[in-house]
PDB file of N, CA and C in Angstrom:
ATOM      1  N   UNK A   1      10.713 -58.620   4.296  1.00  0.00           N
ATOM      2  CA  UNK A   1       9.344 -58.317   4.659  1.00  0.00           C
ATOM      3  C   UNK A   1       9.337 -57.441   5.901  1.00  0.00           C
ATOM      4  N   UNK A   2       8.595 -56.374   5.840  1.00  0.00           N
ATOM      5  CA  UNK A   2       8.540 -55.502   7.001  1.00  0.00           C
ATOM      6  C   UNK A   2       7.131 -55.479   7.568  1.00  0.00           C
ATOM      7  N   UNK A   3       7.062 -55.136   8.827  1.00  0.00           N
ATOM      8  CA  UNK A   3       5.760 -55.007   9.475  1.00  0.00           C
ATOM      9  C   UNK A   3       5.186 -53.645   9.119  1.00  0.00           C
ATOM     10  N   UNK A   4       3.932 -53.628   8.691  1.00  0.00           N
ATOM     11  CA  UNK A   4       3.276 -52.375   8.329  1.00  0.00           C
ATOM     12  C   UNK A   4       2.554 -51.806   9.544  1.00  0.00           C
ATOM     13  N   UNK A   5       2.586 -50.489   9.667  1.00  0.00           N
ATOM     14  CA  UNK A   5       1.856 -49.832  10.747  1.00  0.00           C
ATOM     15  C   UNK A   5       0.357 -49.965  10.485  1.00  0.00           C
ATOM     16  N   UNK A   6      -0.427 -49.707  11.512  1.00  0.00           N
ATOM     17  CA  UNK A   6      -1.883 -49.764  11.359  1.00  0.00           C
ATOM     18  C   UNK A   6      -2.344 -48.766  10.308  1.00  0.00           C
ATOM     19  N   UNK A   7      -1.741 -47.574  10.301  1.00  0.00           N
ATOM     20  CA  UNK A   7      -2.116 -46.556   9.324  1.00  0.00           C
ATOM     21  C   UNK A   7      -1.768 -47.003   7.908  1.00  0.00           C
ATOM     22  N   UNK A   8      -0.594 -47.631   7.741  1.00  0.00           N
ATOM     23  CA  UNK A   8      -0.194 -48.111   6.414  1.00  0.00           C
ATOM     24  C   UNK A   8      -1.140 -49.202   5.934  1.00  0.00           C
ATOM     25  N   UNK A   9      -1.553 -50.080   6.841  1.00  0.00           N
ATOM     26  CA  UNK A   9      -2.526 -51.119   6.480  1.00  0.00           C
ATOM     27  C   UNK A   9      -3.838 -50.490   6.046  1.00  0.00           C
ATOM     28  N   UNK A  10      -4.270 -49.449   6.766  1.00  0.00           N
ATOM     29  CA  UNK A  10      -5.513 -48.760   6.407  1.00  0.00           C
ATOM     30  C   UNK A  10      -5.415 -48.143   5.020  1.00  0.00           C
ATOM     31  N   UNK A  11      -4.290 -47.494   4.728  1.00  0.00           N
ATOM     32  CA  UNK A  11      -4.086 -46.871   3.415  1.00  0.00           C
ATOM     33  C   UNK A  11      -4.093 -47.936   2.324  1.00  0.00           C
ATOM     34  N   UNK A  12      -3.383 -49.024   2.560  1.00  0.00           N
ATOM     35  CA  UNK A  12      -3.311 -50.109   1.584  1.00  0.00           C
ATOM     36  C   UNK A  12      -4.691 -50.722   1.348  1.00  0.00           C
ATOM     37  N   UNK A  13      -5.444 -50.957   2.414  1.00  0.00           N
ATOM     38  CA  UNK A  13      -6.777 -51.531   2.276  1.00  0.00           C
ATOM     39  C   UNK A  13      -7.726 -50.571   1.551  1.00  0.00           C
ATOM     40  N   UNK A  14      -7.581 -49.281   1.815  1.00  0.00           N
ATOM     41  CA  UNK A  14      -8.404 -48.284   1.130  1.00  0.00           C
ATOM     42  C   UNK A  14      -8.134 -48.313  -0.376  1.00  0.00           C
ATOM     43  N   UNK A  15      -6.865 -48.395  -0.742  1.00  0.00           N
ATOM     44  CA  UNK A  15      -6.522 -48.452  -2.169  1.00  0.00           C
ATOM     45  C   UNK A  15      -7.009 -49.744  -2.812  1.00  0.00           C
ATOM     46  N   UNK A  16      -6.897 -50.846  -2.086  1.00  0.00           N
ATOM     47  CA  UNK A  16      -7.359 -52.114  -2.641  1.00  0.00           C
ATOM     48  C   UNK A  16      -8.872 -52.070  -2.860  1.00  0.00           C
ATOM     49  N   UNK A  17      -9.592 -51.427  -1.958  1.00  0.00           N
ATOM     50  CA  UNK A  17     -11.049 -51.334  -2.075  1.00  0.00           C
ATOM     51  C   UNK A  17     -11.487 -50.410  -3.209  1.00  0.00           C
ATOM     52  N   UNK A  18     -10.740 -49.329  -3.405  1.00  0.00           N
ATOM     53  CA  UNK A  18     -11.142 -48.350  -4.414  1.00  0.00           C
ATOM     54  C   UNK A  18     -10.559 -48.633  -5.797  1.00  0.00           C
ATOM     55  N   UNK A  19      -9.559 -49.459  -5.866  1.00  0.00           N
ATOM     56  CA  UNK A  19      -8.904 -49.727  -7.150  1.00  0.00           C
ATOM     57  C   UNK A  19      -7.789 -48.745  -7.420  1.00  0.00           C
ATOM     58  N   UNK A  20      -8.110 -47.462  -7.354  1.00  0.00           N
ATOM     59  CA  UNK A  20      -7.101 -46.419  -7.446  1.00  0.00           C
ATOM     60  C   UNK A  20      -7.702 -45.148  -6.860  1.00  0.00           C
ATOM     61  N   UNK A  21      -6.842 -44.302  -6.334  1.00  0.00           N
ATOM     62  CA  UNK A  21      -7.330 -43.097  -5.682  1.00  0.00           C
ATOM     63  C   UNK A  21      -6.167 -42.119  -5.551  1.00  0.00           C
ATOM     64  N   UNK A  22      -6.501 -40.859  -5.385  1.00  0.00           N
ATOM     65  CA  UNK A  22      -5.468 -39.853  -5.126  1.00  0.00           C
ATOM     66  C   UNK A  22      -5.123 -39.885  -3.640  1.00  0.00           C
ATOM     67  N   UNK A  23      -3.986 -39.330  -3.294  1.00  0.00           N
ATOM     68  CA  UNK A  23      -3.597 -39.249  -1.882  1.00  0.00           C
ATOM     69  C   UNK A  23      -4.636 -38.449  -1.108  1.00  0.00           C
ATOM     70  N   UNK A  24      -5.124 -37.376  -1.704  1.00  0.00           N
ATOM     71  CA  UNK A  24      -6.151 -36.560  -1.045  1.00  0.00           C
ATOM     72  C   UNK A  24      -7.437 -37.361  -0.832  1.00  0.00           C
ATOM     73  N   UNK A  25      -7.812 -38.166  -1.823  1.00  0.00           N
ATOM     74  CA  UNK A  25      -9.006 -39.000  -1.700  1.00  0.00           C
ATOM     75  C   UNK A  25      -8.876 -40.025  -0.589  1.00  0.00           C
ATOM     76  N   UNK A  26      -7.701 -40.651  -0.501  1.00  0.00           N
ATOM     77  CA  UNK A  26      -7.452 -41.613   0.579  1.00  0.00           C
ATOM     78  C   UNK A  26      -7.511 -40.897   1.923  1.00  0.00           C
ATOM     79  N   UNK A  27      -6.912 -39.720   1.991  1.00  0.00           N
ATOM     80  CA  UNK A  27      -6.906 -38.944   3.238  1.00  0.00           C
ATOM     81  C   UNK A  27      -8.327 -38.611   3.677  1.00  0.00           C
ATOM     82  N   UNK A  28      -9.179 -38.251   2.733  1.00  0.00           N
ATOM     83  CA  UNK A  28     -10.570 -37.930   3.061  1.00  0.00           C
ATOM     84  C   UNK A  28     -11.316 -39.158   3.582  1.00  0.00           C
ATOM     85  N   UNK A  29     -11.142 -40.290   2.911  1.00  0.00           N
ATOM     86  CA  UNK A  29     -11.823 -41.518   3.324  1.00  0.00           C
ATOM     87  C   UNK A  29     -11.389 -41.928   4.730  1.00  0.00           C
ATOM     88  N   UNK A  30     -10.086 -41.849   4.989  1.00  0.00           N
ATOM     89  CA  UNK A  30      -9.541 -42.311   6.271  1.00  0.00           C
ATOM     90  C   UNK A  30      -9.486 -41.225   7.333  1.00  0.00           C
ATOM     91  N   UNK A  31      -9.874 -40.018   6.963  1.00  0.00           N
ATOM     92  CA  UNK A  31      -9.816 -38.863   7.854  1.00  0.00           C
ATOM     93  C   UNK A  31      -8.420 -38.701   8.462  1.00  0.00           C
ATOM     94  N   UNK A  32      -7.436 -38.683   7.557  1.00  0.00           N
ATOM     95  CA  UNK A  32      -6.034 -38.468   7.912  1.00  0.00           C
ATOM     96  C   UNK A  32      -5.571 -37.227   7.159  1.00  0.00           C
ATOM     97  N   UNK A  33      -4.436 -36.685   7.556  1.00  0.00           N
ATOM     98  CA  UNK A  33      -3.902 -35.542   6.826  1.00  0.00           C
ATOM     99  C   UNK A  33      -3.313 -36.019   5.497  1.00  0.00           C
ATOM    100  N   UNK A  34      -3.466 -35.220   4.445  1.00  0.00           N
ATOM    101  CA  UNK A  34      -2.876 -35.592   3.151  1.00  0.00           C
ATOM    102  C   UNK A  34      -1.361 -35.802   3.251  1.00  0.00           C
ATOM    103  N   UNK A  35      -0.689 -35.000   4.072  1.00  0.00           N
ATOM    104  CA  UNK A  35       0.768 -35.138   4.219  1.00  0.00           C
ATOM    105  C   UNK A  35       1.132 -36.509   4.781  1.00  0.00           C
ATOM    106  N   UNK A  36       0.362 -36.983   5.775  1.00  0.00           N
ATOM    107  CA  UNK A  36       0.650 -38.293   6.357  1.00  0.00           C
ATOM    108  C   UNK A  36       0.385 -39.396   5.344  1.00  0.00           C
ATOM    109  N   UNK A  37      -0.696 -39.269   4.584  1.00  0.00           N
ATOM    110  CA  UNK A  37      -1.019 -40.285   3.583  1.00  0.00           C
ATOM    111  C   UNK A  37       0.076 -40.340   2.515  1.00  0.00           C
ATOM    112  N   UNK A  38       0.555 -39.193   2.079  1.00  0.00           N
ATOM    113  CA  UNK A  38       1.623 -39.165   1.077  1.00  0.00           C
ATOM    114  C   UNK A  38       2.888 -39.827   1.622  1.00  0.00           C
ATOM    115  N   UNK A  39       3.230 -39.541   2.863  1.00  0.00           N
ATOM    116  CA  UNK A  39       4.403 -40.164   3.490  1.00  0.00           C
ATOM    117  C   UNK A  39       4.254 -41.686   3.508  1.00  0.00           C
ATOM    118  N   UNK A  40       3.076 -42.163   3.892  1.00  0.00           N
ATOM    119  CA  UNK A  40       2.813 -43.606   3.934  1.00  0.00           C
ATOM    120  C   UNK A  40       2.865 -44.203   2.529  1.00  0.00           C
ATOM    121  N   UNK A  41       2.254 -43.527   1.561  1.00  0.00           N
ATOM    122  CA  UNK A  41       2.257 -44.028   0.183  1.00  0.00           C
ATOM    123  C   UNK A  41       3.671 -44.133  -0.375  1.00  0.00           C
ATOM    124  N   UNK A  42       4.517 -43.171  -0.066  1.00  0.00           N
ATOM    125  CA  UNK A  42       5.908 -43.229  -0.542  1.00  0.00           C
ATOM    126  C   UNK A  42       6.639 -44.420   0.059  1.00  0.00           C
ATOM    127  N   UNK A  43       6.377 -44.715   1.336  1.00  0.00           N
ATOM    128  CA  UNK A  43       7.000 -45.885   1.970  1.00  0.00           C
ATOM    129  C   UNK A  43       6.486 -47.177   1.331  1.00  0.00           C
ATOM    130  N   UNK A  44       5.173 -47.230   1.092  1.00  0.00           N
ATOM    131  CA  UNK A  44       4.608 -48.412   0.441  1.00  0.00           C
ATOM    132  C   UNK A  44       5.136 -48.574  -0.980  1.00  0.00           C
ATOM    133  N   UNK A  45       5.348 -47.450  -1.668  1.00  0.00           N
ATOM    134  CA  UNK A  45       5.903 -47.493  -3.022  1.00  0.00           C
ATOM    135  C   UNK A  45       7.337 -48.024  -2.990  1.00  0.00           C
ATOM    136  N   UNK A  46       8.108 -47.617  -2.004  1.00  0.00           N
ATOM    137  CA  UNK A  46       9.494 -48.079  -1.878  1.00  0.00           C
ATOM    138  C   UNK A  46       9.552 -49.591  -1.649  1.00  0.00           C
ATOM    139  N   UNK A  47       8.519 -50.137  -1.020  1.00  0.00           N
ATOM    140  CA  UNK A  47       8.455 -51.585  -0.786  1.00  0.00           C
ATOM    141  C   UNK A  47       7.823 -52.328  -1.957  1.00  0.00           C
ATOM    142  N   UNK A  48       7.392 -51.577  -2.979  1.00  0.00           N
ATOM    143  CA  UNK A  48       6.813 -52.193  -4.166  1.00  0.00           C
ATOM    144  C   UNK A  48       5.364 -52.615  -4.000  1.00  0.00           C
ATOM    145  N   UNK A  49       4.686 -52.064  -2.979  1.00  0.00           N
ATOM    146  CA  UNK A  49       3.307 -52.463  -2.718  1.00  0.00           C
ATOM    147  C   UNK A  49       2.281 -51.605  -3.437  1.00  0.00           C
ATOM    148  N   UNK A  50       2.653 -50.386  -3.807  1.00  0.00           N
ATOM    149  CA  UNK A  50       1.744 -49.499  -4.534  1.00  0.00           C
ATOM    150  C   UNK A  50       2.512 -48.823  -5.664  1.00  0.00           C
ATOM    151  N   UNK A  51       1.763 -48.338  -6.635  1.00  0.00           N
ATOM    152  CA  UNK A  51       2.360 -47.570  -7.728  1.00  0.00           C
ATOM    153  C   UNK A  51       1.566 -46.281  -7.894  1.00  0.00           C
ATOM    154  N   UNK A  52       2.203 -45.292  -8.491  1.00  0.00           N
ATOM    155  CA  UNK A  52       1.562 -43.998  -8.710  1.00  0.00           C
ATOM    156  C   UNK A  52       1.697 -43.629 -10.171  1.00  0.00           C
ATOM    157  N   UNK A  53       0.595 -43.188 -10.763  1.00  0.00           N
ATOM    158  CA  UNK A  53       0.599 -42.756 -12.154  1.00  0.00           C
ATOM    159  C   UNK A  53      -0.360 -41.587 -12.288  1.00  0.00           C
ATOM    160  N   UNK A  54       0.163 -40.464 -12.759  1.00  0.00           N
ATOM    161  CA  UNK A  54      -0.643 -39.263 -12.987  1.00  0.00           C
ATOM    162  C   UNK A  54      -1.437 -38.822 -11.757  1.00  0.00           C
ATOM    163  N   UNK A  55      -0.820 -38.946 -10.586  1.00  0.00           N
ATOM    164  CA  UNK A  55      -1.451 -38.485  -9.351  1.00  0.00           C
ATOM    165  C   UNK A  55      -2.397 -39.475  -8.709  1.00  0.00           C
ATOM    166  N   UNK A  56      -2.546 -40.650  -9.297  1.00  0.00           N
ATOM    167  CA  UNK A  56      -3.411 -41.674  -8.722  1.00  0.00           C
ATOM    168  C   UNK A  56      -2.575 -42.865  -8.274  1.00  0.00           C
ATOM    169  N   UNK A  57      -2.889 -43.350  -7.098  1.00  0.00           N
ATOM    170  CA  UNK A  57      -2.177 -44.478  -6.501  1.00  0.00           C
ATOM    171  C   UNK A  57      -3.015 -45.736  -6.636  1.00  0.00           C
ATOM    172  N   UNK A  58      -2.351 -46.879  -6.797  1.00  0.00           N
ATOM    173  CA  UNK A  58      -3.057 -48.148  -6.885  1.00  0.00           C
ATOM    174  C   UNK A  58      -2.163 -49.276  -6.398  1.00  0.00           C
ATOM    175  N   UNK A  59      -2.789 -50.423  -6.158  1.00  0.00           N
ATOM    176  CA  UNK A  59      -2.074 -51.634  -5.763  1.00  0.00           C
ATOM    177  C   UNK A  59      -2.042 -52.544  -6.975  1.00  0.00           C
ATOM    178  N   UNK A  60      -0.861 -52.853  -7.488  1.00  0.00           N
ATOM    179  CA  UNK A  60      -0.797 -53.757  -8.644  1.00  0.00           C
ATOM    180  C   UNK A  60      -1.452 -55.093  -8.297  1.00  0.00           C
ATOM    181  N   UNK A  61      -2.279 -55.613  -9.175  1.00  0.00           N
ATOM    182  CA  UNK A  61      -3.014 -56.852  -8.893  1.00  0.00           C
ATOM    183  C   UNK A  61      -2.099 -58.015  -8.560  1.00  0.00           C
ATOM    184  N   UNK A  62      -0.996 -58.141  -9.267  1.00  0.00           N
ATOM    185  CA  UNK A  62      -0.097 -59.275  -9.025  1.00  0.00           C
ATOM    186  C   UNK A  62       0.667 -59.143  -7.710  1.00  0.00           C
ATOM    187  N   UNK A  63       0.635 -57.951  -7.109  1.00  0.00           N
ATOM    188  CA  UNK A  63       1.357 -57.734  -5.858  1.00  0.00           C
ATOM    189  C   UNK A  63       0.427 -57.435  -4.691  1.00  0.00           C
ATOM    190  N   UNK A  64      -0.854 -57.721  -4.834  1.00  0.00           N
ATOM    191  CA  UNK A  64      -1.791 -57.438  -3.754  1.00  0.00           C
ATOM    192  C   UNK A  64      -1.465 -58.348  -2.572  1.00  0.00           C
ATOM    193  N   UNK A  65      -0.992 -57.768  -1.483  1.00  0.00           N
ATOM    194  CA  UNK A  65      -0.632 -58.574  -0.316  1.00  0.00           C
ATOM    195  C   UNK A  65      -1.855 -58.920   0.511  1.00  0.00           C
ATOM    196  N   UNK A  66      -1.723 -59.971   1.282  1.00  0.00           N
ATOM    197  CA  UNK A  66      -2.753 -60.290   2.260  1.00  0.00           C
ATOM    198  C   UNK A  66      -2.346 -59.593   3.549  1.00  0.00           C
ATOM    199  N   UNK A  67      -3.174 -58.703   4.043  1.00  0.00           N
ATOM    200  CA  UNK A  67      -2.829 -57.916   5.213  1.00  0.00           C
ATOM    201  C   UNK A  67      -3.616 -58.435   6.403  1.00  0.00           C
ATOM    202  N   UNK A  68      -2.874 -58.856   7.433  1.00  0.00           N
ATOM    203  CA  UNK A  68      -3.513 -59.357   8.649  1.00  0.00           C
ATOM    204  C   UNK A  68      -2.718 -58.861   9.851  1.00  0.00           C
ATOM    205  N   UNK A  69      -3.390 -58.203  10.757  1.00  0.00           N
ATOM    206  CA  UNK A  69      -2.794 -57.756  12.013  1.00  0.00           C
ATOM    207  C   UNK A  69      -1.485 -56.993  11.826  1.00  0.00           C
ATOM    208  N   UNK A  70      -1.460 -56.099  10.864  1.00  0.00           N
ATOM    209  CA  UNK A  70      -0.292 -55.268  10.667  1.00  0.00           C
ATOM    210  C   UNK A  70       0.858 -55.949   9.973  1.00  0.00           C
ATOM    211  N   UNK A  71       0.645 -57.185   9.497  1.00  0.00           N
ATOM    212  CA  UNK A  71       1.713 -57.892   8.796  1.00  0.00           C
ATOM    213  C   UNK A  71       1.198 -58.290   7.428  1.00  0.00           C
ATOM    214  N   UNK A  72       2.102 -58.308   6.489  1.00  0.00           N
ATOM    215  CA  UNK A  72       1.720 -58.759   5.160  1.00  0.00           C
ATOM    216  C   UNK A  72       2.371 -60.100   4.906  1.00  0.00           C
ATOM    217  N   UNK A  73       1.786 -60.856   4.011  1.00  0.00           N
ATOM    218  CA  UNK A  73       2.408 -62.112   3.648  1.00  0.00           C
ATOM    219  C   UNK A  73       1.661 -63.282   4.012  1.00  0.00           C
TER     220      UNK A  73
END
């Protein structure tokens, strides 16, 4: 288990709220650069917290973490 940055928590919460979204869409909602959002999404994907299909990112329902104060679990 790793500690998530505040930005990663924001990205994860945005995806959980929207169900699925593009990296550009998340960047617009959070007012972050698309490049930073993509970097964060790739890290979250490596940890198995998000998946990407046809350019849209989502949080698998069975793996939806509880995010509190930058920590999951």
